[in-house]
Amino acid sequence: KIDWNKIHLYWGDERCVPPTHDESNYKMTVDHLINKVTIPKENIHRV
């Protein structure tokens, strides 16, 4: 339903860990959202 081309994702805070680390807020978003929708890579602005 959402046009994911419109959506740009950022993070309000992030732990200083690699993006594959279980404590990473980015990884949590990847696992629960980013990997399940068709959002362009350039719309994802991680720490």
All heavy atoms as atom14 arrays in JSON, in Angstrom:
{
  "sequence": "KIDWNKIHLYWGDERCVPPTHDESNYKMTVDHLINKVTIPKENIHRV",
  "atom14_mask": [
    [1, 1, 1, 1, 1, 1, 1, 1, 1, 0, 0, 0, 0, 0],
    [1, 1, 1, 1, 1, 1, 1, 1, 0, 0, 0, 0, 0, 0],
    [1, 1, 1, 1, 1, 1, 1, 1, 0, 0, 0, 0, 0, 0],
    [1, 1, 1, 1, 1, 1, 1, 1, 1, 1, 1, 1, 1, 1],
    [1, 1, 1, 1, 1, 1, 1, 1, 0, 0, 0, 0, 0, 0],
    [1, 1, 1, 1, 1, 1, 1, 1, 1, 0, 0, 0, 0, 0],
    [1, 1, 1, 1, 1, 1, 1, 1, 0, 0, 0, 0, 0, 0],
    [1, 1, 1, 1, 1, 1, 1, 1, 1, 1, 0, 0, 0, 0],
    [1, 1, 1, 1, 1, 1, 1, 1, 0, 0, 0, 0, 0, 0],
    [1, 1, 1, 1, 1, 1, 1, 1, 1, 1, 1, 1, 0, 0],
    [1, 1, 1, 1, 1, 1, 1, 1, 1, 1, 1, 1, 1, 1],
    [1, 1, 1, 1, 0, 0, 0, 0, 0, 0, 0, 0, 0, 0],
    [1, 1, 1, 1, 1, 1, 1, 1, 0, 0, 0, 0, 0, 0],
    [1, 1, 1, 1, 1, 1, 1, 1, 1, 0, 0, 0, 0, 0],
    [1, 1, 1, 1, 1, 1, 1, 1, 1, 1, 1, 0, 0, 0],
    [1, 1, 1, 1, 1, 1, 0, 0, 0, 0, 0, 0, 0, 0],
    [1, 1, 1, 1, 1, 1, 1, 0, 0, 0, 0, 0, 0, 0],
    [1, 1, 1, 1, 1, 1, 1, 0, 0, 0, 0, 0, 0, 0],
    [1, 1, 1, 1, 1, 1, 1, 0, 0, 0, 0, 0, 0, 0],
    [1, 1, 1, 1, 1, 1, 1, 0, 0, 0, 0, 0, 0, 0],
    [1, 1, 1, 1, 1, 1, 1, 1, 1, 1, 0, 0, 0, 0],
    [1, 1, 1, 1, 1, 1, 1, 1, 0, 0, 0, 0, 0, 0],
    [1, 1, 1, 1, 1, 1, 1, 1, 1, 0, 0, 0, 0, 0],
    [1, 1, 1, 1, 1, 1, 0, 0, 0, 0, 0, 0, 0, 0],
    [1, 1, 1, 1, 1, 1, 1, 1, 0, 0, 0, 0, 0, 0],
    [1, 1, 1, 1, 1, 1, 1, 1, 1, 1, 1, 1, 0, 0],
    [1, 1, 1, 1, 1, 1, 1, 1, 1, 0, 0, 0, 0, 0],
    [1, 1, 1, 1, 1, 1, 1, 1, 0, 0, 0, 0, 0, 0],
    [1, 1, 1, 1, 1, 1, 1, 0, 0, 0, 0, 0, 0, 0],
    [1, 1, 1, 1, 1, 1, 1, 0, 0, 0, 0, 0, 0, 0],
    [1, 1, 1, 1, 1, 1, 1, 1, 0, 0, 0, 0, 0, 0],
    [1, 1, 1, 1, 1, 1, 1, 1, 1, 1, 0, 0, 0, 0],
    [1, 1, 1, 1, 1, 1, 1, 1, 0, 0, 0, 0, 0, 0],
    [1, 1, 1, 1, 1, 1, 1, 1, 0, 0, 0, 0, 0, 0],
    [1, 1, 1, 1, 1, 1, 1, 1, 0, 0, 0, 0, 0, 0],
    [1, 1, 1, 1, 1, 1, 1, 1, 1, 0, 0, 0, 0, 0],
    [1, 1, 1, 1, 1, 1, 1, 0, 0, 0, 0, 0, 0, 0],
    [1, 1, 1, 1, 1, 1, 1, 0, 0, 0, 0, 0, 0, 0],
    [1, 1, 1, 1, 1, 1, 1, 1, 0, 0, 0, 0, 0, 0],
    [1, 1, 1, 1, 1, 1, 1, 0, 0, 0, 0, 0, 0, 0],
    [1, 1, 1, 1, 1, 1, 1, 1, 1, 0, 0, 0, 0, 0],
    [1, 1, 1, 1, 1, 1, 1, 1, 1, 0, 0, 0, 0, 0],
    [1, 1, 1, 1, 1, 1, 1, 1, 0, 0, 0, 0, 0, 0],
    [1, 1, 1, 1, 1, 1, 1, 1, 0, 0, 0, 0, 0, 0],
    [1, 1, 1, 1, 1, 1, 1, 1, 1, 1, 0, 0, 0, 0],
    [1, 1, 1, 1, 1, 1, 1, 1, 1, 1, 1, 0, 0, 0],
    [1, 1, 1, 1, 1, 1, 1, 0, 0, 0, 0, 0, 0, 0]
  ],
  "atom14_positions": [
    [[0.82, -1.22, 0.0], [0.0, 0.0, 0.0], [0.86, 1.27, 0.0], [0.53, 2.25, -0.67], [-0.92, 0.0, 1.23], [-2.02, -1.06, 1.18], [-2.83, -1.09, 2.46], [-3.77, 0.1, 2.58], [-4.64, -0.01, 3.79], [0.0, 0.0, 0.0], [0.0, 0.0, 0.0], [0.0, 0.0, 0.0], [0.0, 0.0, 0.0], [0.0, 0.0, 0.0]],
    [[1.95, 1.24, 0.75], [2.82, 2.41, 0.82], [3.73, 2.43, -0.41], [4.26, 1.4, -0.82], [3.66, 2.39, 2.12], [2.77, 2.7, 3.33], [4.82, 3.4, 2.05], [3.48, 2.62, 4.67], [0.0, 0.0, 0.0], [0.0, 0.0, 0.0], [0.0, 0.0, 0.0], [0.0, 0.0, 0.0], [0.0, 0.0, 0.0], [0.0, 0.0, 0.0]],
    [[3.9, 3.61, -0.99], [4.89, 3.79, -2.05], [6.24, 3.99, -1.37], [6.58, 5.09, -0.93], [4.52, 5.0, -2.92], [5.53, 5.23, -4.05], [6.54, 4.51, -4.11], [5.29, 6.16, -4.86], [0.0, 0.0, 0.0], [0.0, 0.0, 0.0], [0.0, 0.0, 0.0], [0.0, 0.0, 0.0], [0.0, 0.0, 0.0], [0.0, 0.0, 0.0]],
    [[7.01, 2.91, -1.28], [8.26, 2.95, -0.52], [9.33, 3.8, -1.19], [10.34, 4.15, -0.56], [8.75, 1.53, -0.25], [7.82, 0.81, 0.69], [6.81, -0.06, 0.36], [7.77, 0.95, 2.1], [6.15, -0.48, 1.49], [6.72, 0.13, 2.58], [8.52, 1.68, 3.03], [6.4, 0.02, 3.92], [8.21, 1.58, 4.38], [7.16, 0.76, 4.81]],
    [[9.13, 4.16, -2.45], [10.05, 5.09, -3.1], [10.02, 6.47, -2.46], [10.96, 7.25, -2.57], [9.72, 5.22, -4.59], [9.96, 3.94, -5.35], [11.07, 3.43, -5.38], [8.91, 3.39, -5.95], [0.0, 0.0, 0.0], [0.0, 0.0, 0.0], [0.0, 0.0, 0.0], [0.0, 0.0, 0.0], [0.0, 0.0, 0.0], [0.0, 0.0, 0.0]],
    [[8.91, 6.77, -1.77], [8.76, 8.07, -1.12], [9.42, 8.12, 0.26], [9.65, 9.21, 0.79], [7.26, 8.37, -0.9], [6.44, 8.64, -2.13], [5.03, 8.97, -1.68], [4.13, 9.45, -2.82], [2.82, 9.88, -2.3], [0.0, 0.0, 0.0], [0.0, 0.0, 0.0], [0.0, 0.0, 0.0], [0.0, 0.0, 0.0], [0.0, 0.0, 0.0]],
    [[9.63, 6.97, 0.86], [10.04, 6.9, 2.26], [11.56, 6.97, 2.39], [12.28, 6.21, 1.74], [9.53, 5.6, 2.92], [8.01, 5.44, 2.71], [9.89, 5.59, 4.41], [7.15, 6.49, 3.34], [0.0, 0.0, 0.0], [0.0, 0.0, 0.0], [0.0, 0.0, 0.0], [0.0, 0.0, 0.0], [0.0, 0.0, 0.0], [0.0, 0.0, 0.0]],
    [[12.02, 7.86, 3.25], [13.45, 7.93, 3.59], [13.6, 7.65, 5.09], [12.98, 8.32, 5.91], [14.02, 9.31, 3.25], [14.25, 9.5, 1.79], [15.51, 9.44, 1.21], [13.38, 9.72, 0.77], [15.4, 9.62, -0.09], [14.13, 9.8, -0.4], [0.0, 0.0, 0.0], [0.0, 0.0, 0.0], [0.0, 0.0, 0.0], [0.0, 0.0, 0.0]],
    [[14.41, 6.64, 5.4], [14.58, 6.21, 6.78], [15.89, 6.71, 7.37], [16.96, 6.61, 6.74], [14.54, 4.68, 6.86], [13.25, 4.0, 6.39], [13.37, 2.49, 6.52], [12.03, 4.52, 7.16], [0.0, 0.0, 0.0], [0.0, 0.0, 0.0], [0.0, 0.0, 0.0], [0.0, 0.0, 0.0], [0.0, 0.0, 0.0], [0.0, 0.0, 0.0]],
    [[15.79, 7.23, 8.58], [16.93, 7.68, 9.36], [16.79, 7.07, 10.76], [15.8, 6.4, 11.05], [16.95, 9.21, 9.47], [17.07, 9.93, 8.15], [15.94, 10.13, 7.33], [18.29, 10.45, 7.72], [16.05, 10.8, 6.11], [18.4, 11.12, 6.5], [17.28, 11.29, 5.71], [17.39, 11.94, 4.52], [0.0, 0.0, 0.0], [0.0, 0.0, 0.0]],
    [[17.76, 7.36, 11.62], [17.69, 6.84, 12.99], [17.94, 7.97, 13.98], [18.82, 8.79, 13.79], [18.71, 5.7, 13.19], [18.18, 4.43, 12.62], [17.56, 3.4, 13.3], [18.13, 4.03, 11.24], [17.14, 2.42, 12.43], [17.49, 2.77, 11.15], [18.58, 4.61, 10.05], [17.27, 2.1, 9.95], [18.37, 3.95, 8.84], [17.73, 2.71, 8.81]],
    [[17.13, 7.98, 15.03], [17.27, 9.0, 16.06], [18.49, 8.77, 16.93], [19.06, 9.72, 17.48], [0.0, 0.0, 0.0], [0.0, 0.0, 0.0], [0.0, 0.0, 0.0], [0.0, 0.0, 0.0], [0.0, 0.0, 0.0], [0.0, 0.0, 0.0], [0.0, 0.0, 0.0], [0.0, 0.0, 0.0], [0.0, 0.0, 0.0], [0.0, 0.0, 0.0]],
    [[18.9, 7.53, 17.05], [20.14, 7.2, 17.74], [20.59, 5.82, 17.31], [19.83, 5.04, 16.74], [19.98, 7.28, 19.26], [19.04, 6.2, 19.83], [18.04, 5.85, 19.16], [19.33, 5.7, 20.92], [0.0, 0.0, 0.0], [0.0, 0.0, 0.0], [0.0, 0.0, 0.0], [0.0, 0.0, 0.0], [0.0, 0.0, 0.0], [0.0, 0.0, 0.0]],
    [[21.85, 5.55, 17.56], [22.41, 4.25, 17.2], [23.55, 3.89, 18.14], [24.31, 4.77, 18.57], [22.91, 4.26, 15.75], [23.48, 2.94, 15.24], [22.48, 1.79, 15.31], [22.29, 1.23, 16.41], [21.87, 1.47, 14.26], [0.0, 0.0, 0.0], [0.0, 0.0, 0.0], [0.0, 0.0, 0.0], [0.0, 0.0, 0.0], [0.0, 0.0, 0.0]],
    [[23.64, 2.63, 18.46], [24.76, 2.14, 19.26], [25.98, 2.0, 18.35], [25.84, 1.69, 17.17], [24.39, 0.79, 19.87], [23.18, 0.89, 20.81], [22.69, -0.51, 21.18], [21.65, -0.46, 22.2], [20.35, -0.43, 21.94], [19.94, -0.43, 20.68], [19.48, -0.41, 22.93], [0.0, 0.0, 0.0], [0.0, 0.0, 0.0], [0.0, 0.0, 0.0]],
    [[27.14, 2.23, 18.9], [28.37, 2.13, 18.11], [28.81, 0.67, 18.01], [29.75, 0.22, 18.67], [29.45, 3.01, 18.7], [29.13, 4.76, 18.4], [0.0, 0.0, 0.0], [0.0, 0.0, 0.0], [0.0, 0.0, 0.0], [0.0, 0.0, 0.0], [0.0, 0.0, 0.0], [0.0, 0.0, 0.0], [0.0, 0.0, 0.0], [0.0, 0.0, 0.0]],
    [[28.08, -0.04, 17.17], [28.33, -1.45, 16.89], [28.2, -1.64, 15.37], [27.61, -0.8, 14.7], [27.34, -2.37, 17.64], [27.52, -2.26, 19.15], [25.9, -2.05, 17.25], [0.0, 0.0, 0.0], [0.0, 0.0, 0.0], [0.0, 0.0, 0.0], [0.0, 0.0, 0.0], [0.0, 0.0, 0.0], [0.0, 0.0, 0.0], [0.0, 0.0, 0.0]],
    [[28.73, -2.74, 14.82], [28.56, -2.98, 13.39], [27.08, -3.15, 13.01], [26.25, -3.49, 13.87], [29.34, -4.29, 13.17], [30.3, -4.37, 14.3], [29.6, -3.73, 15.47], [0.0, 0.0, 0.0], [0.0, 0.0, 0.0], [0.0, 0.0, 0.0], [0.0, 0.0, 0.0], [0.0, 0.0, 0.0], [0.0, 0.0, 0.0], [0.0, 0.0, 0.0]],
    [[26.74, -2.93, 11.74], [25.34, -3.0, 11.32], [24.74, -4.4, 11.38], [23.53, -4.54, 11.26], [25.37, -2.48, 9.88], [26.77, -2.7, 9.42], [27.63, -2.52, 10.64], [0.0, 0.0, 0.0], [0.0, 0.0, 0.0], [0.0, 0.0, 0.0], [0.0, 0.0, 0.0], [0.0, 0.0, 0.0], [0.0, 0.0, 0.0], [0.0, 0.0, 0.0]],
    [[25.57, -5.41, 11.57], [25.07, -6.78, 11.7], [24.96, -7.23, 13.15], [24.57, -8.36, 13.43], [26.02, -7.75, 10.96], [27.36, -7.54, 11.46], [26.0, -7.49, 9.46], [0.0, 0.0, 0.0], [0.0, 0.0, 0.0], [0.0, 0.0, 0.0], [0.0, 0.0, 0.0], [0.0, 0.0, 0.0], [0.0, 0.0, 0.0], [0.0, 0.0, 0.0]],
    [[25.29, -6.34, 14.07], [25.29, -6.66, 15.5], [23.86, -6.7, 16.04], [23.02, -5.88, 15.65], [26.1, -5.61, 16.26], [26.48, -6.0, 17.66], [25.58, -5.99, 18.7], [27.67, -6.4, 18.19], [26.2, -6.36, 19.81], [27.47, -6.61, 19.52], [0.0, 0.0, 0.0], [0.0, 0.0, 0.0], [0.0, 0.0, 0.0], [0.0, 0.0, 0.0]],
    [[23.59, -7.61, 16.95], [22.23, -7.76, 17.48], [21.74, -6.53, 18.23], [20.54, -6.35, 18.41], [22.14, -8.99, 18.38], [22.09, -10.29, 17.58], [21.77, -10.23, 16.37], [22.36, -11.36, 18.16], [0.0, 0.0, 0.0], [0.0, 0.0, 0.0], [0.0, 0.0, 0.0], [0.0, 0.0, 0.0], [0.0, 0.0, 0.0], [0.0, 0.0, 0.0]],
    [[22.65, -5.68, 18.71], [22.24, -4.48, 19.44], [22.04, -3.28, 18.52], [21.66, -2.2, 18.99], [23.27, -4.14, 20.53], [23.29, -5.16, 21.67], [24.23, -4.75, 22.78], [24.8, -3.64, 22.7], [24.4, -5.53, 23.72], [0.0, 0.0, 0.0], [0.0, 0.0, 0.0], [0.0, 0.0, 0.0], [0.0, 0.0, 0.0], [0.0, 0.0, 0.0]],
    [[22.27, -3.46, 17.24], [22.13, -2.36, 16.29], [20.67, -2.04, 16.02], [19.88, -2.93, 15.65], [22.84, -2.73, 14.97], [22.45, -1.86, 13.93], [0.0, 0.0, 0.0], [0.0, 0.0, 0.0], [0.0, 0.0, 0.0], [0.0, 0.0, 0.0], [0.0, 0.0, 0.0], [0.0, 0.0, 0.0], [0.0, 0.0, 0.0], [0.0, 0.0, 0.0]],
    [[20.29, -0.77, 16.18], [18.93, -0.36, 15.82], [18.69, -0.53, 14.32], [17.58, -0.87, 13.9], [18.69, 1.1, 16.21], [18.55, 1.29, 17.72], [18.21, 0.37, 18.44], [18.83, 2.49, 18.19], [0.0, 0.0, 0.0], [0.0, 0.0, 0.0], [0.0, 0.0, 0.0], [0.0, 0.0, 0.0], [0.0, 0.0, 0.0], [0.0, 0.0, 0.0]],
    [[19.72, -0.3, 13.54], [19.62, -0.5, 12.09], [19.28, -1.96, 11.78], [18.38, -2.23, 10.98], [20.93, -0.08, 11.42], [21.05, -0.52, 9.99], [20.35, 0.14, 8.97], [21.85, -1.6, 9.64], [20.45, -0.27, 7.65], [21.96, -2.01, 8.32], [21.26, -1.35, 7.33], [21.36, -1.77, 6.03], [0.0, 0.0, 0.0], [0.0, 0.0, 0.0]],
    [[20.01, -2.89, 12.39], [19.77, -4.31, 12.13], [18.34, -4.7, 12.49], [17.68, -5.46, 11.77], [20.75, -5.19, 12.91], [20.54, -6.69, 12.64], [21.49, -7.55, 13.46], [21.35, -9.03, 13.08], [20.02, -9.6, 13.36], [0.0, 0.0, 0.0], [0.0, 0.0, 0.0], [0.0, 0.0, 0.0], [0.0, 0.0, 0.0], [0.0, 0.0, 0.0]],
    [[17.84, -4.18, 13.6], [16.46, -4.48, 13.99], [15.48, -4.01, 12.92], [14.53, -4.72, 12.57], [16.14, -3.84, 15.34], [14.8, -4.27, 15.92], [13.45, -3.14, 15.52], [13.73, -1.87, 16.76], [0.0, 0.0, 0.0], [0.0, 0.0, 0.0], [0.0, 0.0, 0.0], [0.0, 0.0, 0.0], [0.0, 0.0, 0.0], [0.0, 0.0, 0.0]],
    [[15.74, -2.84, 12.35], [14.87, -2.33, 11.3], [14.99, -3.16, 10.03], [13.99, -3.41, 9.35], [15.2, -0.85, 11.0], [15.33, -0.12, 12.21], [14.11, -0.21, 10.15], [0.0, 0.0, 0.0], [0.0, 0.0, 0.0], [0.0, 0.0, 0.0], [0.0, 0.0, 0.0], [0.0, 0.0, 0.0], [0.0, 0.0, 0.0], [0.0, 0.0, 0.0]],
    [[16.21, -3.58, 9.71], [16.43, -4.45, 8.55], [15.63, -5.74, 8.7], [14.89, -6.17, 7.8], [17.93, -4.77, 8.36], [18.13, -5.9, 7.34], [18.69, -3.53, 7.91], [0.0, 0.0, 0.0], [0.0, 0.0, 0.0], [0.0, 0.0, 0.0], [0.0, 0.0, 0.0], [0.0, 0.0, 0.0], [0.0, 0.0, 0.0], [0.0, 0.0, 0.0]],
    [[15.74, -6.37, 9.87], [15.09, -7.67, 10.1], [13.57, -7.58, 10.08], [12.9, -8.51, 9.62], [15.55, -8.25, 11.44], [17.02, -8.65, 11.44], [17.6, -8.73, 10.34], [17.58, -8.87, 12.53], [0.0, 0.0, 0.0], [0.0, 0.0, 0.0], [0.0, 0.0, 0.0], [0.0, 0.0, 0.0], [0.0, 0.0, 0.0], [0.0, 0.0, 0.0]],
    [[13.04, -6.48, 10.6], [11.58, -6.39, 10.77], [10.87, -5.56, 9.71], [9.65, -5.64, 9.59], [11.25, -5.86, 12.17], [11.55, -6.85, 13.25], [10.61, -7.72, 13.75], [12.71, -7.14, 13.88], [11.17, -8.49, 14.66], [12.44, -8.16, 14.77], [0.0, 0.0, 0.0], [0.0, 0.0, 0.0], [0.0, 0.0, 0.0], [0.0, 0.0, 0.0]],
    [[11.63, -4.78, 8.93], [10.98, -3.93, 7.93], [11.71, -3.9, 6.59], [11.13, -4.27, 5.56], [10.83, -2.51, 8.47], [10.17, -1.49, 7.52], [8.74, -1.89, 7.19], [10.21, -0.09, 8.12], [0.0, 0.0, 0.0], [0.0, 0.0, 0.0], [0.0, 0.0, 0.0], [0.0, 0.0, 0.0], [0.0, 0.0, 0.0], [0.0, 0.0, 0.0]],
    [[12.95, -3.46, 6.59], [13.64, -3.16, 5.33], [13.71, -4.38, 4.41], [13.5, -4.27, 3.2], [15.04, -2.58, 5.61], [14.91, -1.18, 6.24], [15.87, -2.5, 4.33], [16.21, -0.61, 6.78], [0.0, 0.0, 0.0], [0.0, 0.0, 0.0], [0.0, 0.0, 0.0], [0.0, 0.0, 0.0], [0.0, 0.0, 0.0], [0.0, 0.0, 0.0]],
    [[13.99, -5.55, 4.99], [14.1, -6.76, 4.17], [12.75, -7.25, 3.64], [12.7, -8.15, 2.8], [14.75, -7.89, 4.97], [16.26, -7.79, 4.98], [16.84, -7.0, 4.25], [16.91, -8.58, 5.83], [0.0, 0.0, 0.0], [0.0, 0.0, 0.0], [0.0, 0.0, 0.0], [0.0, 0.0, 0.0], [0.0, 0.0, 0.0], [0.0, 0.0, 0.0]],
    [[11.65, -6.65, 4.12], [10.32, -7.15, 3.78], [9.54, -6.21, 2.86], [8.42, -6.51, 2.47], [9.53, -7.39, 5.07], [10.19, -8.44, 5.96], [9.43, -8.63, 7.26], [10.12, -9.68, 8.12], [9.42, -9.93, 9.39], [0.0, 0.0, 0.0], [0.0, 0.0, 0.0], [0.0, 0.0, 0.0], [0.0, 0.0, 0.0], [0.0, 0.0, 0.0]],
    [[10.15, -5.05, 2.53], [9.49, -4.09, 1.65], [10.47, -3.68, 0.55], [11.67, -3.91, 0.65], [8.98, -2.85, 2.42], [7.94, -3.25, 3.45], [10.13, -2.1, 3.07], [0.0, 0.0, 0.0], [0.0, 0.0, 0.0], [0.0, 0.0, 0.0], [0.0, 0.0, 0.0], [0.0, 0.0, 0.0], [0.0, 0.0, 0.0], [0.0, 0.0, 0.0]],
    [[9.94, -3.03, -0.48], [10.78, -2.66, -1.63], [11.18, -1.19, -1.52], [10.76, -0.35, -2.31], [10.04, -2.91, -2.95], [8.75, -2.25, -2.88], [9.82, -4.4, -3.18], [0.0, 0.0, 0.0], [0.0, 0.0, 0.0], [0.0, 0.0, 0.0], [0.0, 0.0, 0.0], [0.0, 0.0, 0.0], [0.0, 0.0, 0.0], [0.0, 0.0, 0.0]],
    [[12.01, -0.9, -0.52], [12.49, 0.47, -0.35], [13.86, 0.59, -1.01], [14.72, -0.27, -0.84], [12.55, 0.85, 1.16], [12.94, 2.33, 1.32], [13.48, -0.06, 1.94], [12.75, 2.87, 2.73], [0.0, 0.0, 0.0], [0.0, 0.0, 0.0], [0.0, 0.0, 0.0], [0.0, 0.0, 0.0], [0.0, 0.0, 0.0], [0.0, 0.0, 0.0]],
    [[14.07, 1.65, -1.8], [15.37, 1.8, -2.47], [16.51, 1.94, -1.46], [16.35, 2.59, -0.42], [15.2, 3.09, -3.28], [13.73, 3.28, -3.43], [13.12, 2.71, -2.17], [0.0, 0.0, 0.0], [0.0, 0.0, 0.0], [0.0, 0.0, 0.0], [0.0, 0.0, 0.0], [0.0, 0.0, 0.0], [0.0, 0.0, 0.0], [0.0, 0.0, 0.0]],
    [[17.65, 1.34, -1.78], [18.81, 1.41, -0.88], [19.23, 2.84, -0.59], [19.66, 3.17, 0.53], [19.99, 0.63, -1.47], [19.86, -0.87, -1.37], [21.11, -1.57, -1.88], [20.97, -3.08, -1.73], [22.19, -3.79, -2.25], [0.0, 0.0, 0.0], [0.0, 0.0, 0.0], [0.0, 0.0, 0.0], [0.0, 0.0, 0.0], [0.0, 0.0, 0.0]],
    [[19.1, 3.7, -1.6], [19.54, 5.08, -1.42], [18.61, 5.87, -0.49], [18.91, 7.01, -0.12], [19.67, 5.8, -2.77], [18.4, 5.87, -3.58], [18.24, 4.7, -4.56], [18.82, 3.62, -4.31], [17.52, 4.88, -5.55], [0.0, 0.0, 0.0], [0.0, 0.0, 0.0], [0.0, 0.0, 0.0], [0.0, 0.0, 0.0], [0.0, 0.0, 0.0]],
    [[17.48, 5.29, -0.13], [16.55, 5.94, 0.8], [16.83, 5.55, 2.25], [16.11, 5.97, 3.16], [15.1, 5.56, 0.47], [14.61, 6.18, -0.82], [15.41, 6.66, -1.62], [13.32, 6.16, -1.04], [0.0, 0.0, 0.0], [0.0, 0.0, 0.0], [0.0, 0.0, 0.0], [0.0, 0.0, 0.0], [0.0, 0.0, 0.0], [0.0, 0.0, 0.0]],
    [[17.85, 4.76, 2.48], [18.17, 4.28, 3.82], [19.44, 4.99, 4.28], [20.51, 4.84, 3.67], [18.36, 2.75, 3.83], [17.05, 2.08, 3.41], [18.78, 2.26, 5.21], [17.2, 0.63, 3.03], [0.0, 0.0, 0.0], [0.0, 0.0, 0.0], [0.0, 0.0, 0.0], [0.0, 0.0, 0.0], [0.0, 0.0, 0.0], [0.0, 0.0, 0.0]],
    [[19.33, 5.78, 5.33], [20.41, 6.66, 5.77], [20.82, 6.26, 7.19], [20.36, 6.83, 8.17], [19.94, 8.12, 5.73], [19.3, 8.51, 4.44], [20.04, 8.91, 3.34], [17.99, 8.53, 4.05], [19.21, 9.19, 2.33], [17.96, 8.97, 2.75], [0.0, 0.0, 0.0], [0.0, 0.0, 0.0], [0.0, 0.0, 0.0], [0.0, 0.0, 0.0]],
    [[21.69, 5.27, 7.27], [22.04, 4.72, 8.58], [23.23, 5.46, 9.21], [23.99, 6.16, 8.53], [22.34, 3.23, 8.48], [23.68, 2.86, 7.85], [23.88, 1.34, 7.93], [25.17, 0.93, 7.36], [26.3, 0.85, 8.05], [26.33, 1.17, 9.33], [27.43, 0.45, 7.46], [0.0, 0.0, 0.0], [0.0, 0.0, 0.0], [0.0, 0.0, 0.0]],
    [[23.36, 5.28, 10.5], [24.53, 5.74, 11.24], [25.62, 4.67, 11.06], [25.35, 3.48, 11.22], [24.21, 5.91, 12.74], [25.44, 6.38, 13.5], [23.04, 6.87, 12.94], [0.0, 0.0, 0.0], [0.0, 0.0, 0.0], [0.0, 0.0, 0.0], [0.0, 0.0, 0.0], [0.0, 0.0, 0.0], [0.0, 0.0, 0.0], [0.0, 0.0, 0.0]]
  ]
}
